[in-house]
Amino acid sequence: MEIVLAFIIGGLYAAGLYMLMRRSLVKLVIGLALLSQAANLLIFTLGRLIRGRPALIPSDMARLVEPFADPVPQALILTAIVIGFGVQAFAIILIKRAYQTVGTDDLDDMRSTDVMHGSSSAPPVNLPNDKWRSPVEATLRDEGA
């Protein structure tokens, strides 16, 4: 069974890395999800697959009797699933906001908007007292920050 899971894990890692190299933000999040699932399966496989009893001590015994499932990898995987879900939810919200702002999810098109509308290429703002400030400083000053 471990051999089959090794090929599945390798396929998930390959598909996740392939999706991360695409130019679409949606494909990037799908690749991130595939990588997290591959990492979860890897941890699960490293904890050894045992079709035994759970790691619970019966009331009439003082110790666990072999074979039993290792609970540590299972706990790590549950934690990783929750963290991965939070990261994916955050990434989806960022993608939605970026798509609303730019109008595309293509990374190359987003880079071209940085060049056209970026603050690094914007000219400095002339303030009334003849001091030159960057657009960020001028915006913070106007907002009263």
Protein backbone atom coordinates (compact mmCIF):
# COMPACT_ATOMS: atom_id res chain seq x y z
CA MET A 1 0.00 0.00 0.00
CA GLU A 2 2.90 2.37 0.71
CA ILE A 3 4.15 1.97 -2.87
CA VAL A 4 0.79 3.05 -4.28
CA LEU A 5 0.68 6.05 -1.93
CA ALA A 6 4.24 6.99 -2.92
CA PHE A 7 3.17 7.25 -6.57
CA ILE A 8 0.03 9.18 -5.63
CA ILE A 9 2.07 11.59 -3.49
CA GLY A 10 4.58 12.08 -6.32
CA GLY A 11 1.75 12.74 -8.77
CA LEU A 12 0.15 15.27 -6.43
CA TYR A 13 3.46 17.08 -5.93
CA ALA A 14 4.09 17.14 -9.69
CA ALA A 15 0.59 18.40 -10.46
CA GLY A 16 0.79 21.00 -7.68
CA LEU A 17 4.13 22.35 -8.89
CA TYR A 18 2.84 22.42 -12.48
CA MET A 19 -0.20 24.42 -11.40
CA LEU A 20 1.98 26.82 -9.38
CA MET A 21 3.95 27.64 -12.55
CA ARG A 22 0.85 28.66 -14.53
CA ARG A 23 0.06 32.32 -15.04
CA SER A 24 -3.44 32.27 -13.57
CA LEU A 25 -4.07 33.04 -9.90
CA VAL A 26 -6.86 30.46 -9.74
CA LYS A 27 -4.49 27.75 -10.94
CA LEU A 28 -1.98 28.94 -8.37
CA VAL A 29 -4.46 28.33 -5.53
CA ILE A 30 -5.36 24.91 -6.97
CA GLY A 31 -1.64 24.07 -7.04
CA LEU A 32 -1.33 25.21 -3.43
CA ALA A 33 -4.21 22.91 -2.45
CA LEU A 34 -2.62 19.97 -4.29
CA LEU A 35 0.71 20.56 -2.55
CA SER A 36 -0.94 20.68 0.87
CA GLN A 37 -2.80 17.42 0.20
CA ALA A 38 0.43 15.79 -0.97
CA ALA A 39 2.19 16.91 2.21
CA ASN A 40 -0.68 15.52 4.31
CA LEU A 41 -0.46 12.16 2.55
CA LEU A 42 3.32 12.14 2.99
CA ILE A 43 3.00 12.67 6.75
CA PHE A 44 0.31 10.00 6.89
CA THR A 45 2.49 7.53 5.02
CA LEU A 46 5.55 8.27 7.17
CA GLY A 47 3.48 7.41 10.24
CA ARG A 48 3.16 3.85 8.86
CA LEU A 49 -0.12 2.45 7.66
CA ILE A 50 -1.43 -0.09 10.13
CA ARG A 51 -4.77 -1.83 9.97
CA GLY A 52 -4.83 -2.32 13.66
CA ARG A 53 -6.52 -0.93 16.65
CA PRO A 54 -6.64 2.73 17.55
CA ALA A 55 -4.14 4.01 20.08
CA LEU A 56 -6.47 3.55 23.04
CA ILE A 57 -5.61 1.55 26.14
CA PRO A 58 -8.42 -0.83 27.13
CA SER A 59 -9.61 -0.59 30.73
CA ASP A 60 -8.32 -4.06 31.65
CA MET A 61 -4.75 -3.44 30.37
CA ALA A 62 -1.87 -1.23 31.46
CA ARG A 63 -0.11 -0.84 28.08
CA LEU A 64 -0.90 -0.75 24.40
CA VAL A 65 -0.54 -4.00 22.55
CA GLU A 66 0.92 -4.06 19.02
CA PRO A 67 -0.26 -3.29 16.36
CA PHE A 68 -1.75 0.13 16.99
CA ALA A 69 -2.03 3.27 14.91
CA ASP A 70 0.33 6.14 15.71
CA PRO A 71 -1.79 9.15 16.75
CA VAL A 72 0.89 11.83 16.25
CA PRO A 73 0.85 11.90 12.42
CA GLN A 74 -2.94 11.90 12.50
CA ALA A 75 -2.97 14.93 14.81
CA LEU A 76 -0.41 16.72 12.61
CA ILE A 77 -2.52 16.05 9.52
CA LEU A 78 -5.67 17.39 11.16
CA THR A 79 -3.81 20.55 12.12
CA ALA A 80 -2.38 20.87 8.59
CA ILE A 81 -5.84 20.48 7.06
CA VAL A 82 -7.23 23.32 9.17
CA ILE A 83 -4.26 25.60 8.43
CA GLY A 84 -4.40 24.72 4.73
CA PHE A 85 -8.11 25.54 4.61
CA GLY A 86 -7.45 28.94 6.19
CA VAL A 87 -4.64 29.72 3.74
CA GLN A 88 -6.80 28.70 0.78
CA ALA A 89 -9.73 30.80 1.99
CA PHE A 90 -7.43 33.81 2.41
CA ALA A 91 -5.92 33.27 -1.06
CA ILE A 92 -9.37 33.04 -2.65
CA ILE A 93 -10.37 36.36 -1.07
CA LEU A 94 -7.13 37.95 -2.32
CA ILE A 95 -7.78 36.61 -5.82
CA LYS A 96 -11.32 37.99 -5.79
CA ARG A 97 -10.07 41.43 -4.72
CA ALA A 98 -7.25 41.41 -7.28
CA TYR A 99 -9.67 40.42 -10.03
CA GLN A 100 -12.06 43.23 -9.03
CA THR A 101 -9.23 45.76 -9.04
CA VAL A 102 -7.31 44.71 -12.15
CA GLY A 103 -9.98 42.87 -14.14
CA THR A 104 -7.85 39.80 -14.88
CA ASP A 105 -6.29 36.88 -13.07
CA ASP A 106 -3.31 36.60 -15.42
CA LEU A 107 -0.07 37.33 -13.57
CA ASP A 108 1.63 38.88 -16.62
CA ASP A 109 -1.23 41.35 -17.04
CA MET A 110 -1.01 42.22 -13.35
CA ARG A 111 2.71 42.96 -13.70
CA SER A 112 1.99 45.31 -16.58
CA THR A 113 -0.44 47.26 -14.39
CA ASP A 114 2.29 47.61 -11.74
CA VAL A 115 4.53 49.32 -14.28
CA MET A 116 1.76 51.66 -15.46
CA HIS A 117 0.17 52.50 -12.09
CA GLY A 118 2.90 51.69 -9.57
CA SER A 119 3.91 54.19 -6.91
CA SER A 120 7.61 53.72 -7.71
CA SER A 121 7.26 55.38 -11.14
CA ALA A 122 4.85 58.10 -10.01
CA PRO A 123 6.24 61.63 -9.83
CA PRO A 124 6.58 63.23 -6.42
CA VAL A 125 3.78 65.48 -5.19
CA ASN A 126 4.40 69.20 -4.75
CA LEU A 127 3.06 70.36 -1.41
CA PRO A 128 2.08 73.96 -0.66
CA ASN A 129 5.21 74.67 1.37
CA ASP A 130 7.42 73.63 -1.61
CA LYS A 131 8.56 70.38 -0.01
CA TRP A 132 8.62 67.39 -2.32
CA ARG A 133 7.11 64.19 -0.95
CA SER A 134 6.28 60.81 -2.34
CA PRO A 135 2.65 60.01 -3.26
CA VAL A 136 2.38 57.73 -0.23
CA GLU A 137 3.49 60.48 2.17
CA ALA A 138 1.11 62.93 0.52
CA THR A 139 -1.79 60.50 0.84
CA LEU A 140 -1.04 59.84 4.51
CA ARG A 141 -0.78 63.58 5.16
CA ASP A 142 -4.11 64.26 3.40
CA GLU A 143 -5.86 61.53 5.39
CA GLY A 144 -4.54 62.94 8.64
CA ALA A 145 -2.41 59.93 9.58
